[in-house]
Amino acid sequence: MNYEERRPVELASHIKCIWQLNRTYRANEVGEVLWPDGCQELIFHYGSAYSLQGRPLPRFFYRHAGAFLFTEDY
């Protein structure tokens, strides 16, 4: 697993941090849990799809305090 978090100097007045997670999941693993942390997040994923209650999420979505906003029909 490779996790990286950094502060974008050029956008520091607007963005607290950018993080990236790269890992390989085994077939029997549940995946990542997106815990509500009070932060607003734009999430882009390029590997296996995230899902919410068994339904796959779009490749890009917005999350704030545990609530989701989708950019595609969901």
PDB file of N, CA and C in Angstrom:
ATOM      1  N   MET A   1       0.851  -1.180   0.000  1.00  0.00           N
ATOM      2  CA  MET A   1       0.000   0.000   0.000  1.00  0.00           C
ATOM      3  C   MET A   1       0.891   1.235   0.000  1.00  0.00           C
ATOM      4  N   ASN A   2       0.516   2.204  -0.783  1.00  0.00           N
ATOM      5  CA  ASN A   2       1.251   3.459  -0.858  1.00  0.00           C
ATOM      6  C   ASN A   2       0.265   4.613  -0.640  1.00  0.00           C
ATOM      7  N   TYR A   3       0.416   5.316   0.474  1.00  0.00           N
ATOM      8  CA  TYR A   3      -0.437   6.467   0.793  1.00  0.00           C
ATOM      9  C   TYR A   3       0.447   7.708   0.826  1.00  0.00           C
ATOM     10  N   GLU A   4       0.002   8.745   0.152  1.00  0.00           N
ATOM     11  CA  GLU A   4       0.752  10.005   0.125  1.00  0.00           C
ATOM     12  C   GLU A   4      -0.212  11.160   0.377  1.00  0.00           C
ATOM     13  N   GLU A   5       0.170  12.043   1.245  1.00  0.00           N
ATOM     14  CA  GLU A   5      -0.616  13.246   1.531  1.00  0.00           C
ATOM     15  C   GLU A   5       0.317  14.444   1.425  1.00  0.00           C
ATOM     16  N   ARG A   6      -0.125  15.455   0.705  1.00  0.00           N
ATOM     17  CA  ARG A   6       0.721  16.649   0.577  1.00  0.00           C
ATOM     18  C   ARG A   6      -0.136  17.904   0.536  1.00  0.00           C
ATOM     19  N   ARG A   7       0.478  19.006   0.859  1.00  0.00           N
ATOM     20  CA  ARG A   7      -0.190  20.313   0.854  1.00  0.00           C
ATOM     21  C   ARG A   7       0.168  21.018  -0.456  1.00  0.00           C
ATOM     22  N   PRO A   8      -0.833  21.396  -1.251  1.00  0.00           N
ATOM     23  CA  PRO A   8      -0.560  22.062  -2.526  1.00  0.00           C
ATOM     24  C   PRO A   8      -0.224  23.546  -2.292  1.00  0.00           C
ATOM     25  N   VAL A   9       1.031  23.882  -2.329  1.00  0.00           N
ATOM     26  CA  VAL A   9       1.491  25.236  -2.006  1.00  0.00           C
ATOM     27  C   VAL A   9       0.757  26.292  -2.830  1.00  0.00           C
ATOM     28  N   GLU A  10       0.611  26.061  -4.113  1.00  0.00           N
ATOM     29  CA  GLU A  10      -0.018  27.058  -4.994  1.00  0.00           C
ATOM     30  C   GLU A  10      -1.491  27.291  -4.669  1.00  0.00           C
ATOM     31  N   LEU A  11      -2.145  26.294  -4.096  1.00  0.00           N
ATOM     32  CA  LEU A  11      -3.587  26.384  -3.802  1.00  0.00           C
ATOM     33  C   LEU A  11      -3.882  26.318  -2.309  1.00  0.00           C
ATOM     34  N   ALA A  12      -2.897  26.578  -1.482  1.00  0.00           N
ATOM     35  CA  ALA A  12      -3.033  26.404  -0.034  1.00  0.00           C
ATOM     36  C   ALA A  12      -4.167  27.213   0.577  1.00  0.00           C
ATOM     37  N   SER A  13      -4.522  28.339  -0.025  1.00  0.00           N
ATOM     38  CA  SER A  13      -5.623  29.135   0.527  1.00  0.00           C
ATOM     39  C   SER A  13      -6.989  28.496   0.232  1.00  0.00           C
ATOM     40  N   HIS A  14      -7.028  27.506  -0.648  1.00  0.00           N
ATOM     41  CA  HIS A  14      -8.286  26.860  -1.035  1.00  0.00           C
ATOM     42  C   HIS A  14      -8.334  25.372  -0.708  1.00  0.00           C
ATOM     43  N   ILE A  15      -7.166  24.717  -0.703  1.00  0.00           N
ATOM     44  CA  ILE A  15      -7.108  23.266  -0.539  1.00  0.00           C
ATOM     45  C   ILE A  15      -6.170  22.920   0.606  1.00  0.00           C
ATOM     46  N   LYS A  16      -6.690  22.180   1.580  1.00  0.00           N
ATOM     47  CA  LYS A  16      -5.886  21.793   2.741  1.00  0.00           C
ATOM     48  C   LYS A  16      -4.850  20.732   2.380  1.00  0.00           C
ATOM     49  N   CYS A  17      -5.275  19.702   1.660  1.00  0.00           N
ATOM     50  CA  CYS A  17      -4.319  18.673   1.264  1.00  0.00           C
ATOM     51  C   CYS A  17      -4.852  17.883   0.071  1.00  0.00           C
ATOM     52  N   ILE A  18      -3.928  17.234  -0.591  1.00  0.00           N
ATOM     53  CA  ILE A  18      -4.234  16.295  -1.667  1.00  0.00           C
ATOM     54  C   ILE A  18      -3.681  14.957  -1.200  1.00  0.00           C
ATOM     55  N   TRP A  19      -4.488  13.914  -1.296  1.00  0.00           N
ATOM     56  CA  TRP A  19      -3.979  12.608  -0.899  1.00  0.00           C
ATOM     57  C   TRP A  19      -4.213  11.601  -2.006  1.00  0.00           C
ATOM     58  N   GLN A  20      -3.381  10.591  -1.974  1.00  0.00           N
ATOM     59  CA  GLN A  20      -3.433   9.547  -2.983  1.00  0.00           C
ATOM     60  C   GLN A  20      -3.189   8.209  -2.300  1.00  0.00           C
ATOM     61  N   LEU A  21      -3.966   7.226  -2.668  1.00  0.00           N
ATOM     62  CA  LEU A  21      -3.811   5.880  -2.125  1.00  0.00           C
ATOM     63  C   LEU A  21      -3.705   4.912  -3.288  1.00  0.00           C
ATOM     64  N   ASN A  22      -2.632   4.168  -3.333  1.00  0.00           N
ATOM     65  CA  ASN A  22      -2.448   3.111  -4.328  1.00  0.00           C
ATOM     66  C   ASN A  22      -2.270   1.800  -3.581  1.00  0.00           C
ATOM     67  N   ARG A  23      -3.108   0.855  -3.899  1.00  0.00           N
ATOM     68  CA  ARG A  23      -2.948  -0.470  -3.308  1.00  0.00           C
ATOM     69  C   ARG A  23      -3.665  -1.496  -4.153  1.00  0.00           C
ATOM     70  N   THR A  24      -3.298  -2.724  -3.967  1.00  0.00           N
ATOM     71  CA  THR A  24      -3.936  -3.844  -4.651  1.00  0.00           C
ATOM     72  C   THR A  24      -4.812  -4.567  -3.635  1.00  0.00           C
ATOM     73  N   TYR A  25      -6.034  -4.837  -4.014  1.00  0.00           N
ATOM     74  CA  TYR A  25      -6.978  -5.521  -3.132  1.00  0.00           C
ATOM     75  C   TYR A  25      -7.081  -6.990  -3.523  1.00  0.00           C
ATOM     76  N   ARG A  26      -7.149  -7.837  -2.522  1.00  0.00           N
ATOM     77  CA  ARG A  26      -7.410  -9.252  -2.778  1.00  0.00           C
ATOM     78  C   ARG A  26      -8.928  -9.437  -2.917  1.00  0.00           C
ATOM     79  N   ALA A  27      -9.313 -10.498  -3.574  1.00  0.00           N
ATOM     80  CA  ALA A  27     -10.740 -10.749  -3.851  1.00  0.00           C
ATOM     81  C   ALA A  27     -11.587 -10.785  -2.582  1.00  0.00           C
ATOM     82  N   ASN A  28     -11.051 -11.242  -1.462  1.00  0.00           N
ATOM     83  CA  ASN A  28     -11.848 -11.372  -0.236  1.00  0.00           C
ATOM     84  C   ASN A  28     -11.843 -10.106   0.622  1.00  0.00           C
ATOM     85  N   GLU A  29     -11.167  -9.035   0.190  1.00  0.00           N
ATOM     86  CA  GLU A  29     -11.144  -7.793   0.962  1.00  0.00           C
ATOM     87  C   GLU A  29     -12.363  -6.942   0.638  1.00  0.00           C
ATOM     88  N   VAL A  30     -12.882  -6.287   1.651  1.00  0.00           N
ATOM     89  CA  VAL A  30     -14.059  -5.444   1.486  1.00  0.00           C
ATOM     90  C   VAL A  30     -13.716  -4.173   0.723  1.00  0.00           C
ATOM     91  N   GLY A  31     -12.575  -3.571   0.975  1.00  0.00           N
ATOM     92  CA  GLY A  31     -12.180  -2.325   0.312  1.00  0.00           C
ATOM     93  C   GLY A  31     -11.920  -1.237   1.324  1.00  0.00           C
ATOM     94  N   GLU A  32     -11.988   0.002   0.880  1.00  0.00           N
ATOM     95  CA  GLU A  32     -11.746   1.156   1.741  1.00  0.00           C
ATOM     96  C   GLU A  32     -13.063   1.675   2.308  1.00  0.00           C
ATOM     97  N   VAL A  33     -13.034   2.117   3.536  1.00  0.00           N
ATOM     98  CA  VAL A  33     -14.179   2.775   4.151  1.00  0.00           C
ATOM     99  C   VAL A  33     -13.888   4.266   4.160  1.00  0.00           C
ATOM    100  N   LEU A  34     -14.802   5.068   3.676  1.00  0.00           N
ATOM    101  CA  LEU A  34     -14.643   6.524   3.684  1.00  0.00           C
ATOM    102  C   LEU A  34     -15.337   7.060   4.931  1.00  0.00           C
ATOM    103  N   TRP A  35     -14.573   7.197   5.991  1.00  0.00           N
ATOM    104  CA  TRP A  35     -15.127   7.658   7.267  1.00  0.00           C
ATOM    105  C   TRP A  35     -15.442   9.144   7.209  1.00  0.00           C
ATOM    106  N   PRO A  36     -16.605   9.573   7.722  1.00  0.00           N
ATOM    107  CA  PRO A  36     -16.918  11.000   7.781  1.00  0.00           C
ATOM    108  C   PRO A  36     -15.905  11.709   8.684  1.00  0.00           C
ATOM    109  N   ASP A  37     -15.260  12.744   8.154  1.00  0.00           N
ATOM    110  CA  ASP A  37     -14.260  13.463   8.938  1.00  0.00           C
ATOM    111  C   ASP A  37     -14.512  14.964   8.959  1.00  0.00           C
ATOM    112  N   GLY A  38     -15.648  15.399   8.409  1.00  0.00           N
ATOM    113  CA  GLY A  38     -15.968  16.821   8.404  1.00  0.00           C
ATOM    114  C   GLY A  38     -15.322  17.593   7.269  1.00  0.00           C
ATOM    115  N   CYS A  39     -14.480  16.919   6.484  1.00  0.00           N
ATOM    116  CA  CYS A  39     -13.804  17.592   5.371  1.00  0.00           C
ATOM    117  C   CYS A  39     -14.600  17.420   4.084  1.00  0.00           C
ATOM    118  N   GLN A  40     -14.497  18.400   3.223  1.00  0.00           N
ATOM    119  CA  GLN A  40     -15.066  18.287   1.894  1.00  0.00           C
ATOM    120  C   GLN A  40     -14.034  17.605   1.012  1.00  0.00           C
ATOM    121  N   GLU A  41     -14.474  16.668   0.191  1.00  0.00           N
ATOM    122  CA  GLU A  41     -13.542  15.922  -0.640  1.00  0.00           C
ATOM    123  C   GLU A  41     -14.075  15.767  -2.048  1.00  0.00           C
ATOM    124  N   LEU A  42     -13.211  15.990  -3.021  1.00  0.00           N
ATOM    125  CA  LEU A  42     -13.466  15.615  -4.401  1.00  0.00           C
ATOM    126  C   LEU A  42     -12.712  14.317  -4.600  1.00  0.00           C
ATOM    127  N   ILE A  43     -13.411  13.264  -4.940  1.00  0.00           N
ATOM    128  CA  ILE A  43     -12.793  11.957  -5.041  1.00  0.00           C
ATOM    129  C   ILE A  43     -12.803  11.503  -6.499  1.00  0.00           C
ATOM    130  N   PHE A  44     -11.608  11.206  -7.000  1.00  0.00           N
ATOM    131  CA  PHE A  44     -11.418  10.656  -8.331  1.00  0.00           C
ATOM    132  C   PHE A  44     -10.823   9.271  -8.120  1.00  0.00           C
ATOM    133  N   HIS A  45     -11.394   8.270  -8.710  1.00  0.00           N
ATOM    134  CA  HIS A  45     -10.783   6.950  -8.579  1.00  0.00           C
ATOM    135  C   HIS A  45     -10.647   6.327  -9.958  1.00  0.00           C
ATOM    136  N   TYR A  46      -9.533   5.658 -10.139  1.00  0.00           N
ATOM    137  CA  TYR A  46      -9.175   5.131 -11.455  1.00  0.00           C
ATOM    138  C   TYR A  46      -8.988   3.621 -11.447  1.00  0.00           C
ATOM    139  N   GLY A  47      -9.164   3.008 -10.311  1.00  0.00           N
ATOM    140  CA  GLY A  47      -9.048   1.556 -10.229  1.00  0.00           C
ATOM    141  C   GLY A  47     -10.436   0.942 -10.158  1.00  0.00           C
ATOM    142  N   SER A  48     -10.593  -0.024  -9.292  1.00  0.00           N
ATOM    143  CA  SER A  48     -11.900  -0.642  -9.084  1.00  0.00           C
ATOM    144  C   SER A  48     -12.851   0.397  -8.508  1.00  0.00           C
ATOM    145  N   ALA A  49     -14.111   0.284  -8.866  1.00  0.00           N
ATOM    146  CA  ALA A  49     -15.102   1.280  -8.458  1.00  0.00           C
ATOM    147  C   ALA A  49     -15.393   1.216  -6.964  1.00  0.00           C
ATOM    148  N   TYR A  50     -15.575   2.369  -6.352  1.00  0.00           N
ATOM    149  CA  TYR A  50     -16.136   2.439  -5.007  1.00  0.00           C
ATOM    150  C   TYR A  50     -17.619   2.104  -5.134  1.00  0.00           C
ATOM    151  N   SER A  51     -18.211   1.651  -4.048  1.00  0.00           N
ATOM    152  CA  SER A  51     -19.651   1.387  -4.087  1.00  0.00           C
ATOM    153  C   SER A  51     -20.275   1.899  -2.797  1.00  0.00           C
ATOM    154  N   LEU A  52     -21.548   2.183  -2.877  1.00  0.00           N
ATOM    155  CA  LEU A  52     -22.329   2.650  -1.740  1.00  0.00           C
ATOM    156  C   LEU A  52     -23.569   1.780  -1.676  1.00  0.00           C
ATOM    157  N   GLN A  53     -23.710   1.025  -0.603  1.00  0.00           N
ATOM    158  CA  GLN A  53     -24.826   0.097  -0.423  1.00  0.00           C
ATOM    159  C   GLN A  53     -24.973  -0.839  -1.628  1.00  0.00           C
ATOM    160  N   GLY A  54     -23.823  -1.313  -2.123  1.00  0.00           N
ATOM    161  CA  GLY A  54     -23.821  -2.283  -3.212  1.00  0.00           C
ATOM    162  C   GLY A  54     -23.897  -1.706  -4.607  1.00  0.00           C
ATOM    163  N   ARG A  55     -24.084  -0.392  -4.733  1.00  0.00           N
ATOM    164  CA  ARG A  55     -24.161   0.237  -6.056  1.00  0.00           C
ATOM    165  C   ARG A  55     -22.847   0.943  -6.349  1.00  0.00           C
ATOM    166  N   PRO A  56     -22.258   0.726  -7.540  1.00  0.00           N
ATOM    167  CA  PRO A  56     -20.991   1.388  -7.858  1.00  0.00           C
ATOM    168  C   PRO A  56     -21.162   2.907  -7.953  1.00  0.00           C
ATOM    169  N   LEU A  57     -20.167   3.618  -7.460  1.00  0.00           N
ATOM    170  CA  LEU A  57     -20.164   5.085  -7.545  1.00  0.00           C
ATOM    171  C   LEU A  57     -19.507   5.518  -8.846  1.00  0.00           C
ATOM    172  N   PRO A  58     -19.834   6.725  -9.340  1.00  0.00           N
ATOM    173  CA  PRO A  58     -19.171   7.225 -10.549  1.00  0.00           C
ATOM    174  C   PRO A  58     -17.677   7.444 -10.298  1.00  0.00           C
ATOM    175  N   ARG A  59     -16.889   7.610 -11.349  1.00  0.00           N
ATOM    176  CA  ARG A  59     -15.438   7.791 -11.254  1.00  0.00           C
ATOM    177  C   ARG A  59     -15.051   9.077 -10.530  1.00  0.00           C
ATOM    178  N   PHE A  60     -15.961  10.040 -10.433  1.00  0.00           N
ATOM    179  CA  PHE A  60     -15.704  11.303  -9.746  1.00  0.00           C
ATOM    180  C   PHE A  60     -16.924  11.607  -8.899  1.00  0.00           C
ATOM    181  N   PHE A  61     -16.703  11.952  -7.628  1.00  0.00           N
ATOM    182  CA  PHE A  61     -17.822  12.373  -6.794  1.00  0.00           C
ATOM    183  C   PHE A  61     -17.327  13.280  -5.680  1.00  0.00           C
ATOM    184  N   TYR A  62     -18.263  13.967  -5.065  1.00  0.00           N
ATOM    185  CA  TYR A  62     -18.000  14.939  -4.003  1.00  0.00           C
ATOM    186  C   TYR A  62     -18.571  14.387  -2.714  1.00  0.00           C
ATOM    187  N   ARG A  63     -17.823  14.541  -1.637  1.00  0.00           N
ATOM    188  CA  ARG A  63     -18.293  14.073  -0.335  1.00  0.00           C
ATOM    189  C   ARG A  63     -18.042  15.160   0.700  1.00  0.00           C
ATOM    190  N   HIS A  64     -19.033  15.404   1.538  1.00  0.00           N
ATOM    191  CA  HIS A  64     -18.884  16.360   2.634  1.00  0.00           C
ATOM    192  C   HIS A  64     -19.581  15.795   3.865  1.00  0.00           C
ATOM    193  N   ALA A  65     -18.814  15.603   4.923  1.00  0.00           N
ATOM    194  CA  ALA A  65     -19.338  15.133   6.217  1.00  0.00           C
ATOM    195  C   ALA A  65     -20.192  13.877   6.073  1.00  0.00           C
ATOM    196  N   GLY A  66     -19.776  12.980   5.179  1.00  0.00           N
ATOM    197  CA  GLY A  66     -20.479  11.715   5.021  1.00  0.00           C
ATOM    198  C   GLY A  66     -21.595  11.731   3.990  1.00  0.00           C
ATOM    199  N   ALA A  67     -21.980  12.901   3.484  1.00  0.00           N
ATOM    200  CA  ALA A  67     -23.008  12.992   2.441  1.00  0.00           C
ATOM    201  C   ALA A  67     -22.315  13.018   1.079  1.00  0.00           C
ATOM    202  N   PHE A  68     -22.939  12.411   0.086  1.00  0.00           N
ATOM    203  CA  PHE A  68     -22.346  12.313  -1.242  1.00  0.00           C
ATOM    204  C   PHE A  68     -23.133  13.125  -2.257  1.00  0.00           C
ATOM    205  N   LEU A  69     -22.428  13.712  -3.200  1.00  0.00           N
ATOM    206  CA  LEU A  69     -23.029  14.390  -4.347  1.00  0.00           C
ATOM    207  C   LEU A  69     -22.402  13.780  -5.583  1.00  0.00           C
ATOM    208  N   PHE A  70     -23.223  13.332  -6.519  1.00  0.00           N
ATOM    209  CA  PHE A  70     -22.724  12.626  -7.682  1.00  0.00           C
ATOM    210  C   PHE A  70     -22.789  13.506  -8.917  1.00  0.00           C
ATOM    211  N   THR A  71     -21.852  13.261  -9.830  1.00  0.00           N
ATOM    212  CA  THR A  71     -21.779  14.051 -11.052  1.00  0.00           C
ATOM    213  C   THR A  71     -22.481  13.368 -12.213  1.00  0.00           C
ATOM    214  N   GLU A  72     -22.942  12.150 -12.011  1.00  0.00           N
ATOM    215  CA  GLU A  72     -23.642  11.384 -13.037  1.00  0.00           C
ATOM    216  C   GLU A  72     -24.950  10.894 -12.449  1.00  0.00           C
ATOM    217  N   ASP A  73     -25.818  10.360 -13.317  1.00  0.00           N
ATOM    218  CA  ASP A  73     -27.049   9.747 -12.805  1.00  0.00           C
ATOM    219  C   ASP A  73     -26.660   8.597 -11.888  1.00  0.00           C
ATOM    220  N   TYR A  74     -27.278   8.564 -10.733  1.00  0.00           N
ATOM    221  CA  TYR A  74     -26.944   7.511  -9.783  1.00  0.00           C
ATOM    222  C   TYR A  74     -28.196   6.776  -9.388  1.00  0.00           C
TER     223      TYR A  74
END
